[in-house]
C-alpha atoms as a PDB file:
ATOM      1  CA  MET A   1       7.016  21.541   3.344  1.00  0.00           C
ATOM      2  CA  LEU A   2       3.509  21.883   3.985  1.00  0.00           C
ATOM      3  CA  ASP A   3       3.277  23.638   7.637  1.00  0.00           C
ATOM      4  CA  PHE A   4       0.407  21.518   8.576  1.00  0.00           C
ATOM      5  CA  GLY A   5      -0.691  23.466  11.883  1.00  0.00           C
ATOM      6  CA  MET A   6      -0.434  26.743   9.956  1.00  0.00           C
ATOM      7  CA  ALA A   7      -2.926  25.597   7.288  1.00  0.00           C
ATOM      8  CA  VAL A   8      -5.469  23.680   9.322  1.00  0.00           C
ATOM      9  CA  ASP A   9      -5.474  26.687  11.835  1.00  0.00           C
ATOM     10  CA  ARG A  10      -6.516  28.583   9.626  1.00  0.00           C
ATOM     11  CA  ILE A  11      -9.117  26.537   7.644  1.00  0.00           C
ATOM     12  CA  ALA A  12     -10.151  25.248  11.105  1.00  0.00           C
ATOM     13  CA  GLU A  13     -10.668  28.852  12.491  1.00  0.00           C
ATOM     14  CA  PHE A  14     -12.685  29.904   9.592  1.00  0.00           C
ATOM     15  CA  LEU A  15     -14.939  26.952   9.445  1.00  0.00           C
ATOM     16  CA  ASP A  16     -15.725  26.628  13.430  1.00  0.00           C
ATOM     17  CA  GLY A  17     -16.030  31.242  13.132  1.00  0.00           C
ATOM     18  CA  ARG A  18     -19.218  29.788  10.575  1.00  0.00           C
ATOM     19  CA  GLY A  19     -20.591  27.101  12.675  1.00  0.00           C
ATOM     20  CA  PHE A  20     -19.210  24.484  10.370  1.00  0.00           C
ATOM     21  CA  SER A  21     -17.139  21.150  12.144  1.00  0.00           C
ATOM     22  CA  CYS A  22     -13.983  20.350  11.254  1.00  0.00           C
ATOM     23  CA  ALA A  23     -12.279  16.913  11.342  1.00  0.00           C
ATOM     24  CA  ILE A  24      -8.789  15.514  10.379  1.00  0.00           C
ATOM     25  CA  VAL A  25      -9.097  12.433   7.502  1.00  0.00           C
ATOM     26  CA  GLY A  26      -6.505  10.879   4.743  1.00  0.00           C
ATOM     27  CA  ALA A  27      -2.801   9.658   6.485  1.00  0.00           C
ATOM     28  CA  LEU A  28      -3.124  12.461   8.886  1.00  0.00           C
ATOM     29  CA  GLY A  29      -6.124  10.912  10.529  1.00  0.00           C
ATOM     30  CA  LEU A  30      -4.500   7.332   9.987  1.00  0.00           C
ATOM     31  CA  HIS A  31      -1.645   8.974  12.012  1.00  0.00           C
ATOM     32  CA  ALA A  32      -4.217   9.544  14.906  1.00  0.00           C
ATOM     33  CA  TYR A  33      -4.337   6.206  15.258  1.00  0.00           C
ATOM     34  CA  GLY A  34      -0.802   5.181  14.918  1.00  0.00           C
ATOM     35  CA  HIS A  35      -0.409   4.147  11.043  1.00  0.00           C
ATOM     36  CA  ASP A  36       2.444   5.620   9.602  1.00  0.00           C
ATOM     37  CA  ARG A  37       3.085   6.669   6.164  1.00  0.00           C
ATOM     38  CA  ALA A  38       4.090   9.899   4.620  1.00  0.00           C
ATOM     39  CA  THR A  39       2.132  12.024   3.251  1.00  0.00           C
ATOM     40  CA  PHE A  40       2.145  15.518   2.049  1.00  0.00           C
ATOM     41  CA  ASP A  41      -1.302  17.731   1.854  1.00  0.00           C
ATOM     42  CA  LEU A  42      -3.517  17.995   4.547  1.00  0.00           C
ATOM     43  CA  ASP A  43      -7.037  16.485   4.735  1.00  0.00           C
ATOM     44  CA  LEU A  44      -9.837  17.816   6.150  1.00  0.00           C
ATOM     45  CA  ALA A  45     -14.042  16.608   6.166  1.00  0.00           C
ATOM     46  CA  THR A  46     -16.392  18.885   6.728  1.00  0.00           C
ATOM     47  CA  GLU A  47     -20.189  19.866   6.499  1.00  0.00           C
ATOM     48  CA  SER A  48     -21.513  20.234   2.436  1.00  0.00           C
ATOM     49  CA  ALA A  49     -23.283  23.481   3.515  1.00  0.00           C
ATOM     50  CA  ALA A  50     -19.427  24.991   3.670  1.00  0.00           C
ATOM     51  CA  GLN A  51     -17.769  24.300   0.291  1.00  0.00           C
ATOM     52  CA  GLN A  52     -18.896  26.997  -1.759  1.00  0.00           C
ATOM     53  CA  SER A  53     -17.271  30.013   1.422  1.00  0.00           C
ATOM     54  CA  LEU A  54     -14.755  27.976   1.878  1.00  0.00           C
ATOM     55  CA  VAL A  55     -13.142  27.181  -1.600  1.00  0.00           C
ATOM     56  CA  SER A  56     -13.713  31.081  -1.854  1.00  0.00           C
ATOM     57  CA  PHE A  57     -11.671  31.378   1.185  1.00  0.00           C
ATOM     58  CA  LEU A  58      -8.451  29.284  -0.019  1.00  0.00           C
ATOM     59  CA  GLU A  59      -8.467  30.872  -2.879  1.00  0.00           C
ATOM     60  CA  GLN A  60      -8.460  34.079  -0.976  1.00  0.00           C
ATOM     61  CA  LEU A  61      -5.554  32.818   0.956  1.00  0.00           C
ATOM     62  CA  GLY A  62      -3.588  32.407  -2.452  1.00  0.00           C
ATOM     63  CA  TYR A  63      -4.813  28.548  -2.948  1.00  0.00           C
ATOM     64  CA  GLU A  64      -5.373  27.327  -7.199  1.00  0.00           C
ATOM     65  CA  THR A  65      -8.595  25.247  -6.997  1.00  0.00           C
ATOM     66  CA  ILE A  66      -7.590  22.182  -9.049  1.00  0.00           C
ATOM     67  CA  HIS A  67     -10.994  20.584  -8.740  1.00  0.00           C
ATOM     68  CA  VAL A  68     -14.213  20.794  -7.647  1.00  0.00           C
ATOM     69  CA  SER A  69     -17.476  18.355  -7.484  1.00  0.00           C
ATOM     70  CA  PRO A  70     -19.671  18.200  -4.959  1.00  0.00           C
ATOM     71  CA  GLY A  71     -18.493  15.229  -2.121  1.00  0.00           C
ATOM     72  CA  TYR A  72     -14.482  17.207  -2.719  1.00  0.00           C
ATOM     73  CA  SER A  73     -12.214  19.815  -3.650  1.00  0.00           C
ATOM     74  CA  ASN A  74      -8.617  19.841  -4.326  1.00  0.00           C
ATOM     75  CA  HIS A  75      -6.336  23.012  -3.984  1.00  0.00           C
ATOM     76  CA  ALA A  76      -2.809  23.955  -4.329  1.00  0.00           C
ATOM     77  CA  HIS A  77      -0.462  26.731  -3.202  1.00  0.00           C
ATOM     78  CA  ALA A  78       2.482  28.077  -5.021  1.00  0.00           C
ATOM     79  CA  ASP A  79       4.374  28.593  -1.326  1.00  0.00           C
ATOM     80  CA  PRO A  80       4.691  25.230  -0.296  1.00  0.00           C
ATOM     81  CA  ASP A  81       4.379  26.222   3.503  1.00  0.00           C
ATOM     82  CA  TRP A  82       0.778  26.526   2.798  1.00  0.00           C
ATOM     83  CA  GLY A  83       0.771  22.953   0.646  1.00  0.00           C
ATOM     84  CA  ASN A  84      -2.079  21.036  -0.818  1.00  0.00           C
ATOM     85  CA  VAL A  85      -5.508  20.900   1.261  1.00  0.00           C
ATOM     86  CA  ASP A  86      -8.189  18.261  -0.111  1.00  0.00           C
ATOM     87  CA  ILE A  87     -11.650  18.910   1.922  1.00  0.00           C
ATOM     88  CA  VAL A  88     -14.162  16.246   2.029  1.00  0.00           C
ATOM     89  CA  TYR A  89     -17.545  17.586   2.525  1.00  0.00           C
ATOM     90  CA  VAL A  90     -20.330  15.116   3.631  1.00  0.00           C
ATOM     91  CA  ASP A  91     -24.211  15.690   4.052  1.00  0.00           C
ATOM     92  CA  GLY A  92     -25.967  16.596   7.087  1.00  0.00           C
ATOM     93  CA  GLU A  93     -27.000  13.045   7.722  1.00  0.00           C
ATOM     94  CA  THR A  94     -23.353  12.005   7.238  1.00  0.00           C
ATOM     95  CA  ALA A  95     -21.891  14.929   9.553  1.00  0.00           C
ATOM     96  CA  ALA A  96     -24.864  14.238  12.173  1.00  0.00           C
ATOM     97  CA  ARG A  97     -22.955  10.831  12.557  1.00  0.00           C
ATOM     98  CA  LEU A  98     -19.522  11.518  11.502  1.00  0.00           C
ATOM     99  CA  PHE A  99     -18.235  14.637  13.489  1.00  0.00           C
ATOM    100  CA  PRO A 100     -20.072  13.909  17.106  1.00  0.00           C
ATOM    101  CA  ARG A 101     -18.408  10.610  17.011  1.00  0.00           C
ATOM    102  CA  CYS A 102     -15.154  11.566  16.772  1.00  0.00           C
ATOM    103  CA  GLN A 103     -12.700   9.509  18.833  1.00  0.00           C
ATOM    104  CA  ARG A 104      -9.763  11.056  19.106  1.00  0.00           C
ATOM    105  CA  SER A 105      -7.903  14.314  18.288  1.00  0.00           C
ATOM    106  CA  LEU A 106      -4.686  15.029  16.629  1.00  0.00           C
ATOM    107  CA  GLU A 107      -2.515  18.175  18.065  1.00  0.00           C
ATOM    108  CA  LEU A 108      -2.018  20.462  14.894  1.00  0.00           C
ATOM    109  CA  GLY A 109      -0.373  23.982  15.334  1.00  0.00           C
ATOM    110  CA  GLU A 110      -2.700  25.495  18.229  1.00  0.00           C
ATOM    111  CA  ARG A 111      -5.413  23.474  18.226  1.00  0.00           C
ATOM    112  CA  ALA A 112      -6.341  19.598  18.938  1.00  0.00           C
ATOM    113  CA  VAL A 113      -8.397  18.684  15.697  1.00  0.00           C
ATOM    114  CA  PRO A 114     -10.412  15.891  15.583  1.00  0.00           C
ATOM    115  CA  VAL A 115     -10.398  12.480  13.643  1.00  0.00           C
ATOM    116  CA  PRO A 116     -13.028   9.938  12.653  1.00  0.00           C
ATOM    117  CA  ARG A 117     -13.964   6.945  14.366  1.00  0.00           C
ATOM    118  CA  PRO A 118     -11.662   4.191  12.207  1.00  0.00           C
ATOM    119  CA  GLU A 119     -14.792   3.051  10.424  1.00  0.00           C
ATOM    120  CA  HIS A 120     -15.381   6.341   9.304  1.00  0.00           C
ATOM    121  CA  LEU A 121     -12.364   6.935   7.788  1.00  0.00           C
ATOM    122  CA  ALA A 122     -12.608   3.732   5.908  1.00  0.00           C
ATOM    123  CA  ALA A 123     -15.773   4.422   4.874  1.00  0.00           C
ATOM    124  CA  MET A 124     -13.881   7.654   2.875  1.00  0.00           C
ATOM    125  CA  LYS A 125     -11.280   5.289   1.809  1.00  0.00           C
ATOM    126  CA  VAL A 126     -14.155   3.138   0.135  1.00  0.00           C
ATOM    127  CA  GLN A 127     -15.064   5.609  -1.665  1.00  0.00           C
ATOM    128  CA  ALA A 128     -11.664   6.958  -2.629  1.00  0.00           C
ATOM    129  CA  MET A 129     -11.217   3.780  -4.569  1.00  0.00           C
ATOM    130  CA  ARG A 130     -14.897   3.905  -6.271  1.00  0.00           C
ATOM    131  CA  ASN A 131     -14.266   7.250  -7.832  1.00  0.00           C
ATOM    132  CA  ASP A 132     -10.632   6.816  -8.574  1.00  0.00           C
ATOM    133  CA  PRO A 133      -9.117   3.383  -9.058  1.00  0.00           C
ATOM    134  CA  SER A 134      -6.231   4.463  -9.387  1.00  0.00           C
ATOM    135  CA  ARG A 135      -5.677   3.927  -4.935  1.00  0.00           C
ATOM    136  CA  LEU A 136      -7.019   1.212  -5.067  1.00  0.00           C
ATOM    137  CA  LEU A 137      -3.618  -0.767  -3.439  1.00  0.00           C
ATOM    138  CA  GLN A 138      -3.091   2.123  -1.016  1.00  0.00           C
ATOM    139  CA  ASP A 139      -6.833   2.716  -0.096  1.00  0.00           C
ATOM    140  CA  LEU A 140      -6.172  -1.138   0.622  1.00  0.00           C
ATOM    141  CA  ALA A 141      -3.445  -1.139   2.582  1.00  0.00           C
ATOM    142  CA  ASP A 142      -5.008   2.008   4.504  1.00  0.00           C
ATOM    143  CA  VAL A 143      -8.416   0.317   5.355  1.00  0.00           C
ATOM    144  CA  ARG A 144      -6.486  -3.247   6.082  1.00  0.00           C
ATOM    145  CA  PHE A 145      -4.818  -1.564   8.735  1.00  0.00           C
ATOM    146  CA  LEU A 146      -8.116   0.408  10.412  1.00  0.00           C
ATOM    147  CA  LEU A 147      -9.565  -2.846  10.181  1.00  0.00           C
ATOM    148  CA  GLU A 148      -6.601  -4.201  12.221  1.00  0.00           C
ATOM    149  CA  HIS A 149      -7.434  -1.732  14.504  1.00  0.00           C
ATOM    150  CA  ALA A 150      -8.763  -3.651  18.274  1.00  0.00           C
ATOM    151  CA  GLY A 151     -12.405  -2.661  18.494  1.00  0.00           C
ATOM    152  CA  THR A 152     -13.002  -1.410  15.151  1.00  0.00           C
ATOM    153  CA  ASP A 153     -16.841  -2.385  13.754  1.00  0.00           C
ATOM    154  CA  ARG A 154     -15.629  -5.127  10.807  1.00  0.00           C
ATOM    155  CA  ASP A 155     -19.208  -5.463   9.663  1.00  0.00           C
ATOM    156  CA  GLU A 156     -19.413  -1.303   9.280  1.00  0.00           C
ATOM    157  CA  ILE A 157     -16.396  -1.361   7.104  1.00  0.00           C
ATOM    158  CA  ARG A 158     -17.838  -4.463   4.995  1.00  0.00           C
ATOM    159  CA  GLY A 159     -20.956  -2.392   4.666  1.00  0.00           C
ATOM    160  CA  TYR A 160     -19.212   0.303   2.867  1.00  0.00           C
ATOM    161  CA  PHE A 161     -17.593  -1.859   0.433  1.00  0.00           C
ATOM    162  CA  ASP A 162     -20.961  -3.572   0.219  1.00  0.00           C
ATOM    163  CA  ARG A 163     -22.946  -0.099  -0.554  1.00  0.00           C
ATOM    164  CA  ALA A 164     -19.719   1.011  -3.114  1.00  0.00           C
ATOM    165  CA  GLY A 165     -20.212  -2.779  -4.997  1.00  0.00           C
ATOM    166  CA  MET A 166     -16.600  -3.442  -3.645  1.00  0.00           C
ATOM    167  CA  LEU A 167     -17.145  -6.476  -1.630  1.00  0.00           C
ATOM    168  CA  ASP A 168     -15.601  -8.822  -3.447  1.00  0.00           C
ATOM    169  CA  TRP A 169     -12.171  -6.628  -2.032  1.00  0.00           C
ATOM    170  CA  TYR A 170     -13.600  -6.433   1.014  1.00  0.00           C
ATOM    171  CA  GLU A 171     -13.603 -10.328   1.187  1.00  0.00           C
ATOM    172  CA  LYS A 172      -9.850 -10.595  -0.027  1.00  0.00           C
ATOM    173  CA  LEU A 173      -8.981  -7.500   2.554  1.00  0.00           C
ATOM    174  CA  ILE A 174     -10.380 -10.180   5.180  1.00  0.00           C
ATOM    175  CA  ALA A 175      -8.951 -13.233   4.218  1.00  0.00           C
ATOM    176  CA  THR A 176      -5.710 -11.693   4.691  1.00  0.00           C
ATOM    177  CA  LEU A 177      -6.297 -10.423   7.952  1.00  0.00           C
END
């Protein structure tokens, strides 16, 4: 089973050494806000400029690159301790808003890794649903949890749904709260 601490230590050390930010997203990001659900991969966000060198580094660690697109890469390792790693790449403007505003951190391995605000986690979930509709039900449940979190800016999350052309799903979620 994936040793989250070992994997994040190596990846974050690589990114730190090159001046790139890193944050925990996905199920572990939700865990930092109190939402526990099973996960078998490590989801991280970093800057778009890190993509080429990070993909190469992961391959040097023995990961097989399954998919690469401008905003995402997916990697699998034959050794279960290293597991699967998904990386979300954000551009300069988004990175400037996302990384400095991380409100929490999650202790993994030897480090405390920043976790984005609930609104930013929701934005990533919205993009994931838009890009892969098979994720809809699971990601809607995650966004619902984030909408219920005290202090979450619901209007900001509404805007992410609106820009993705998914405003009807936001309205359905709000109706269930």
